[in-house]
Amino acid sequence: MKERQTLPFIAGLILVPLGGIVAIVAIIAAAALFRSRTETVYGLIDSIILSIFTFQYACIITAPISLVVLPFTYFILRRRAALTVGKIVLTGVISAIVEALIFILGWSVGRLEFTGMFISGVIIIIGFVVSFAFAHLTRLVRPADWHYKPGPIPSGA
């Protein structure tokens, strides 16, 4: 019984670095897309180095979503026998939007600039990817909790 209760927390702990990896990919992709043609390759190298340093901050941003919100959502929905991937992902995205709004209000009060909006977008992408991976990881490990009922087989006629 104890492993059933710790599974969502372990899945959330495993997925914290995934948020950091998503942030690194987003920063490198943005640097590659928005750099000018005349800029040398050093600008891209600088953004790669910057993204490696921001990995720890992205993990800090991911932790409340994957360690608190998603496991408690899993427990509530499992208790109601209503576990679906869509509900878990929706909860993760909503919590990421709330976290992005807190970030915007706390960090960039009075100066809403591109960097703050970009980081908020990355937070929302992190919330989507981590909640999607959380739902599929917990479904893979504990399929009985998901109460999957297959639909009728369509006839060929």
C-alpha atoms as a PDB file:
ATOM      1  CA  MET A   1       0.000   0.000   0.000  1.00  0.00           C
ATOM      2  CA  LYS A   2       2.860   2.356   0.764  1.00  0.00           C
ATOM      3  CA  GLU A   3       4.322   2.053  -2.731  1.00  0.00           C
ATOM      4  CA  ARG A   4       0.955   3.118  -4.141  1.00  0.00           C
ATOM      5  CA  GLN A   5       1.080   6.302  -2.111  1.00  0.00           C
ATOM      6  CA  THR A   6       4.693   7.138  -2.884  1.00  0.00           C
ATOM      7  CA  LEU A   7       4.506   6.452  -6.612  1.00  0.00           C
ATOM      8  CA  PRO A   8       3.279   9.935  -7.650  1.00  0.00           C
ATOM      9  CA  PHE A   9       5.922  11.645  -5.513  1.00  0.00           C
ATOM     10  CA  ILE A  10       8.662   9.445  -6.967  1.00  0.00           C
ATOM     11  CA  ALA A  11       7.368  10.146 -10.488  1.00  0.00           C
ATOM     12  CA  GLY A  12       7.375  13.880  -9.708  1.00  0.00           C
ATOM     13  CA  LEU A  13      10.917  13.667  -8.341  1.00  0.00           C
ATOM     14  CA  ILE A  14      12.084  11.893 -11.483  1.00  0.00           C
ATOM     15  CA  LEU A  15      10.482  14.552 -13.682  1.00  0.00           C
ATOM     16  CA  VAL A  16      12.034  17.632 -12.019  1.00  0.00           C
ATOM     17  CA  PRO A  17      15.151  17.489 -14.256  1.00  0.00           C
ATOM     18  CA  LEU A  18      12.868  17.153 -17.278  1.00  0.00           C
ATOM     19  CA  GLY A  19      11.699  20.712 -16.635  1.00  0.00           C
ATOM     20  CA  GLY A  20      15.304  21.881 -16.685  1.00  0.00           C
ATOM     21  CA  ILE A  21      15.950  20.082 -19.956  1.00  0.00           C
ATOM     22  CA  VAL A  22      12.829  21.633 -21.519  1.00  0.00           C
ATOM     23  CA  ALA A  23      14.044  25.075 -20.448  1.00  0.00           C
ATOM     24  CA  ILE A  24      17.493  24.464 -21.941  1.00  0.00           C
ATOM     25  CA  VAL A  25      15.965  23.394 -25.261  1.00  0.00           C
ATOM     26  CA  ALA A  26      13.650  26.429 -25.290  1.00  0.00           C
ATOM     27  CA  ILE A  27      16.498  28.874 -24.609  1.00  0.00           C
ATOM     28  CA  ILE A  28      18.764  27.349 -27.261  1.00  0.00           C
ATOM     29  CA  ALA A  29      15.915  27.291 -29.796  1.00  0.00           C
ATOM     30  CA  ALA A  30      15.041  30.926 -29.085  1.00  0.00           C
ATOM     31  CA  ALA A  31      18.675  31.951 -29.410  1.00  0.00           C
ATOM     32  CA  ALA A  32      18.966  30.123 -32.716  1.00  0.00           C
ATOM     33  CA  LEU A  33      15.744  31.655 -34.056  1.00  0.00           C
ATOM     34  CA  PHE A  34      16.243  35.239 -32.917  1.00  0.00           C
ATOM     35  CA  ARG A  35      19.930  35.779 -33.591  1.00  0.00           C
ATOM     36  CA  SER A  36      20.718  37.871 -36.595  1.00  0.00           C
ATOM     37  CA  ARG A  37      22.507  36.569 -39.673  1.00  0.00           C
ATOM     38  CA  THR A  38      25.494  38.848 -39.098  1.00  0.00           C
ATOM     39  CA  GLU A  39      26.018  37.600 -35.573  1.00  0.00           C
ATOM     40  CA  THR A  40      28.744  35.037 -35.227  1.00  0.00           C
ATOM     41  CA  VAL A  41      28.378  31.634 -33.683  1.00  0.00           C
ATOM     42  CA  TYR A  42      29.589  33.047 -30.353  1.00  0.00           C
ATOM     43  CA  GLY A  43      26.105  34.369 -29.599  1.00  0.00           C
ATOM     44  CA  LEU A  44      24.730  30.840 -29.845  1.00  0.00           C
ATOM     45  CA  ILE A  45      27.540  29.490 -27.684  1.00  0.00           C
ATOM     46  CA  ASP A  46      26.785  32.166 -25.081  1.00  0.00           C
ATOM     47  CA  SER A  47      23.134  31.140 -25.025  1.00  0.00           C
ATOM     48  CA  ILE A  48      24.120  27.486 -24.594  1.00  0.00           C
ATOM     49  CA  ILE A  49      26.304  28.388 -21.620  1.00  0.00           C
ATOM     50  CA  LEU A  50      23.510  30.583 -20.200  1.00  0.00           C
ATOM     51  CA  SER A  51      21.000  27.772 -20.590  1.00  0.00           C
ATOM     52  CA  ILE A  52      23.239  25.365 -18.698  1.00  0.00           C
ATOM     53  CA  PHE A  53      23.398  27.845 -15.799  1.00  0.00           C
ATOM     54  CA  THR A  54      19.620  28.287 -15.861  1.00  0.00           C
ATOM     55  CA  PHE A  55      19.050  24.529 -15.522  1.00  0.00           C
ATOM     56  CA  GLN A  56      18.974  24.806 -11.731  1.00  0.00           C
ATOM     57  CA  TYR A  57      16.450  27.650 -11.839  1.00  0.00           C
ATOM     58  CA  ALA A  58      14.244  25.678 -14.208  1.00  0.00           C
ATOM     59  CA  CYS A  59      14.360  22.741 -11.809  1.00  0.00           C
ATOM     60  CA  ILE A  60      13.285  25.080  -8.999  1.00  0.00           C
ATOM     61  CA  ILE A  61      10.402  26.286 -11.181  1.00  0.00           C
ATOM     62  CA  THR A  62       9.406  22.702 -11.991  1.00  0.00           C
ATOM     63  CA  ALA A  63       9.487  21.417  -8.413  1.00  0.00           C
ATOM     64  CA  PRO A  64       6.156  22.860  -7.164  1.00  0.00           C
ATOM     65  CA  ILE A  65       4.328  21.504 -10.189  1.00  0.00           C
ATOM     66  CA  SER A  66       5.790  18.005 -10.249  1.00  0.00           C
ATOM     67  CA  LEU A  67       6.298  17.460  -6.514  1.00  0.00           C
ATOM     68  CA  VAL A  68       3.163  19.073  -5.068  1.00  0.00           C
ATOM     69  CA  VAL A  69       0.396  19.820  -7.567  1.00  0.00           C
ATOM     70  CA  LEU A  70       0.528  16.724  -9.771  1.00  0.00           C
ATOM     71  CA  PRO A  71       0.785  14.094  -6.975  1.00  0.00           C
ATOM     72  CA  PHE A  72      -2.116  15.640  -5.048  1.00  0.00           C
ATOM     73  CA  THR A  73      -4.161  15.855  -8.239  1.00  0.00           C
ATOM     74  CA  TYR A  74      -3.349  12.199  -8.872  1.00  0.00           C
ATOM     75  CA  PHE A  75      -4.566  11.231  -5.389  1.00  0.00           C
ATOM     76  CA  ILE A  76      -7.790  13.230  -5.678  1.00  0.00           C
ATOM     77  CA  LEU A  77      -8.644  11.952  -9.150  1.00  0.00           C
ATOM     78  CA  ARG A  78      -7.726   8.370  -8.257  1.00  0.00           C
ATOM     79  CA  ARG A  79     -10.011   8.519  -5.253  1.00  0.00           C
ATOM     80  CA  ARG A  80     -12.882   9.703  -7.457  1.00  0.00           C
ATOM     81  CA  ALA A  81     -12.012   7.095 -10.119  1.00  0.00           C
ATOM     82  CA  ALA A  82     -11.625   9.890 -12.664  1.00  0.00           C
ATOM     83  CA  LEU A  83      -7.971   9.666 -13.665  1.00  0.00           C
ATOM     84  CA  THR A  84      -7.431  10.786 -17.249  1.00  0.00           C
ATOM     85  CA  VAL A  85      -4.393  12.146 -19.031  1.00  0.00           C
ATOM     86  CA  GLY A  86      -6.333  15.251 -20.052  1.00  0.00           C
ATOM     87  CA  LYS A  87      -7.232  16.163 -16.463  1.00  0.00           C
ATOM     88  CA  ILE A  88      -3.660  15.727 -15.255  1.00  0.00           C
ATOM     89  CA  VAL A  89      -2.299  17.816 -18.150  1.00  0.00           C
ATOM     90  CA  LEU A  90      -4.937  20.505 -17.618  1.00  0.00           C
ATOM     91  CA  THR A  91      -4.023  20.715 -13.934  1.00  0.00           C
ATOM     92  CA  GLY A  92      -0.323  20.966 -14.788  1.00  0.00           C
ATOM     93  CA  VAL A  93      -0.901  23.726 -17.346  1.00  0.00           C
ATOM     94  CA  ILE A  94      -3.179  25.695 -14.999  1.00  0.00           C
ATOM     95  CA  SER A  95      -0.615  25.471 -12.198  1.00  0.00           C
ATOM     96  CA  ALA A  96       2.112  26.579 -14.632  1.00  0.00           C
ATOM     97  CA  ILE A  97      -0.017  29.562 -15.695  1.00  0.00           C
ATOM     98  CA  VAL A  98      -0.514  30.511 -12.040  1.00  0.00           C
ATOM     99  CA  GLU A  99       3.214  30.147 -11.448  1.00  0.00           C
ATOM    100  CA  ALA A 100       3.949  32.290 -14.525  1.00  0.00           C
ATOM    101  CA  LEU A 101       1.551  34.981 -13.286  1.00  0.00           C
ATOM    102  CA  ILE A 102       3.250  34.958  -9.889  1.00  0.00           C
ATOM    103  CA  PHE A 103       6.579  35.283 -11.697  1.00  0.00           C
ATOM    104  CA  ILE A 104       5.345  38.205 -13.803  1.00  0.00           C
ATOM    105  CA  LEU A 105       3.896  40.013 -10.787  1.00  0.00           C
ATOM    106  CA  GLY A 106       6.898  39.355  -8.577  1.00  0.00           C
ATOM    107  CA  TRP A 107       9.823  39.854 -10.905  1.00  0.00           C
ATOM    108  CA  SER A 108       8.800  42.324 -13.528  1.00  0.00           C
ATOM    109  CA  VAL A 109       6.499  44.734 -11.704  1.00  0.00           C
ATOM    110  CA  GLY A 110       6.304  47.897 -13.779  1.00  0.00           C
ATOM    111  CA  ARG A 111       8.583  46.644 -16.542  1.00  0.00           C
ATOM    112  CA  LEU A 112       6.962  43.933 -18.563  1.00  0.00           C
ATOM    113  CA  GLU A 113       9.601  43.178 -21.116  1.00  0.00           C
ATOM    114  CA  PHE A 114      10.296  40.414 -23.590  1.00  0.00           C
ATOM    115  CA  THR A 115      12.485  38.440 -21.190  1.00  0.00           C
ATOM    116  CA  GLY A 116       9.743  38.163 -18.586  1.00  0.00           C
ATOM    117  CA  MET A 117       7.195  37.097 -21.173  1.00  0.00           C
ATOM    118  CA  PHE A 118       9.623  34.563 -22.672  1.00  0.00           C
ATOM    119  CA  ILE A 119      10.340  33.032 -19.268  1.00  0.00           C
ATOM    120  CA  SER A 120       6.595  32.883 -18.546  1.00  0.00           C
ATOM    121  CA  GLY A 121       6.059  31.053 -21.838  1.00  0.00           C
ATOM    122  CA  VAL A 122       8.833  28.615 -20.945  1.00  0.00           C
ATOM    123  CA  ILE A 123       7.169  27.993 -17.558  1.00  0.00           C
ATOM    124  CA  ILE A 124       3.894  27.129 -19.286  1.00  0.00           C
ATOM    125  CA  ILE A 125       5.668  24.794 -21.720  1.00  0.00           C
ATOM    126  CA  ILE A 126       7.445  23.147 -18.778  1.00  0.00           C
ATOM    127  CA  GLY A 127       4.093  22.644 -17.036  1.00  0.00           C
ATOM    128  CA  PHE A 128       2.608  21.014 -20.125  1.00  0.00           C
ATOM    129  CA  VAL A 129       5.541  18.685 -20.807  1.00  0.00           C
ATOM    130  CA  VAL A 130       6.043  17.651 -17.181  1.00  0.00           C
ATOM    131  CA  SER A 131       2.342  16.989 -16.546  1.00  0.00           C
ATOM    132  CA  PHE A 132       2.054  15.008 -19.789  1.00  0.00           C
ATOM    133  CA  ALA A 133       5.089  12.903 -18.841  1.00  0.00           C
ATOM    134  CA  PHE A 134       3.769  12.509 -15.270  1.00  0.00           C
ATOM    135  CA  ALA A 135       0.427  11.214 -16.518  1.00  0.00           C
ATOM    136  CA  HIS A 136       1.996   8.694 -18.857  1.00  0.00           C
ATOM    137  CA  LEU A 137       4.637   7.566 -16.362  1.00  0.00           C
ATOM    138  CA  THR A 138       2.093   6.914 -13.619  1.00  0.00           C
ATOM    139  CA  ARG A 139      -0.211   5.240 -16.115  1.00  0.00           C
ATOM    140  CA  LEU A 140       2.635   2.985 -17.258  1.00  0.00           C
ATOM    141  CA  VAL A 141       3.576   1.948 -13.711  1.00  0.00           C
ATOM    142  CA  ARG A 142       0.042   1.667 -12.255  1.00  0.00           C
ATOM    143  CA  PRO A 143      -2.458   1.020 -15.051  1.00  0.00           C
ATOM    144  CA  ALA A 144      -5.090  -0.324 -12.618  1.00  0.00           C
ATOM    145  CA  ASP A 145      -5.492   3.112 -11.019  1.00  0.00           C
ATOM    146  CA  TRP A 146      -6.592   4.631 -14.294  1.00  0.00           C
ATOM    147  CA  HIS A 147      -9.805   2.591 -14.658  1.00  0.00           C
ATOM    148  CA  TYR A 148      -9.408   2.328 -18.381  1.00  0.00           C
ATOM    149  CA  LYS A 149     -12.571   1.066 -20.022  1.00  0.00           C
ATOM    150  CA  PRO A 150     -12.127   0.279 -23.704  1.00  0.00           C
ATOM    151  CA  GLY A 151     -14.897   1.358 -26.030  1.00  0.00           C
ATOM    152  CA  PRO A 152     -16.856  -1.028 -28.225  1.00  0.00           C
ATOM    153  CA  ILE A 153     -15.061  -2.472 -31.210  1.00  0.00           C
ATOM    154  CA  PRO A 154     -16.458  -0.897 -34.381  1.00  0.00           C
ATOM    155  CA  SER A 155     -17.904  -3.351 -36.850  1.00  0.00           C
ATOM    156  CA  GLY A 156     -16.426  -3.589 -40.325  1.00  0.00           C
ATOM    157  CA  ALA A 157     -19.807  -3.644 -42.087  1.00  0.00           C
END
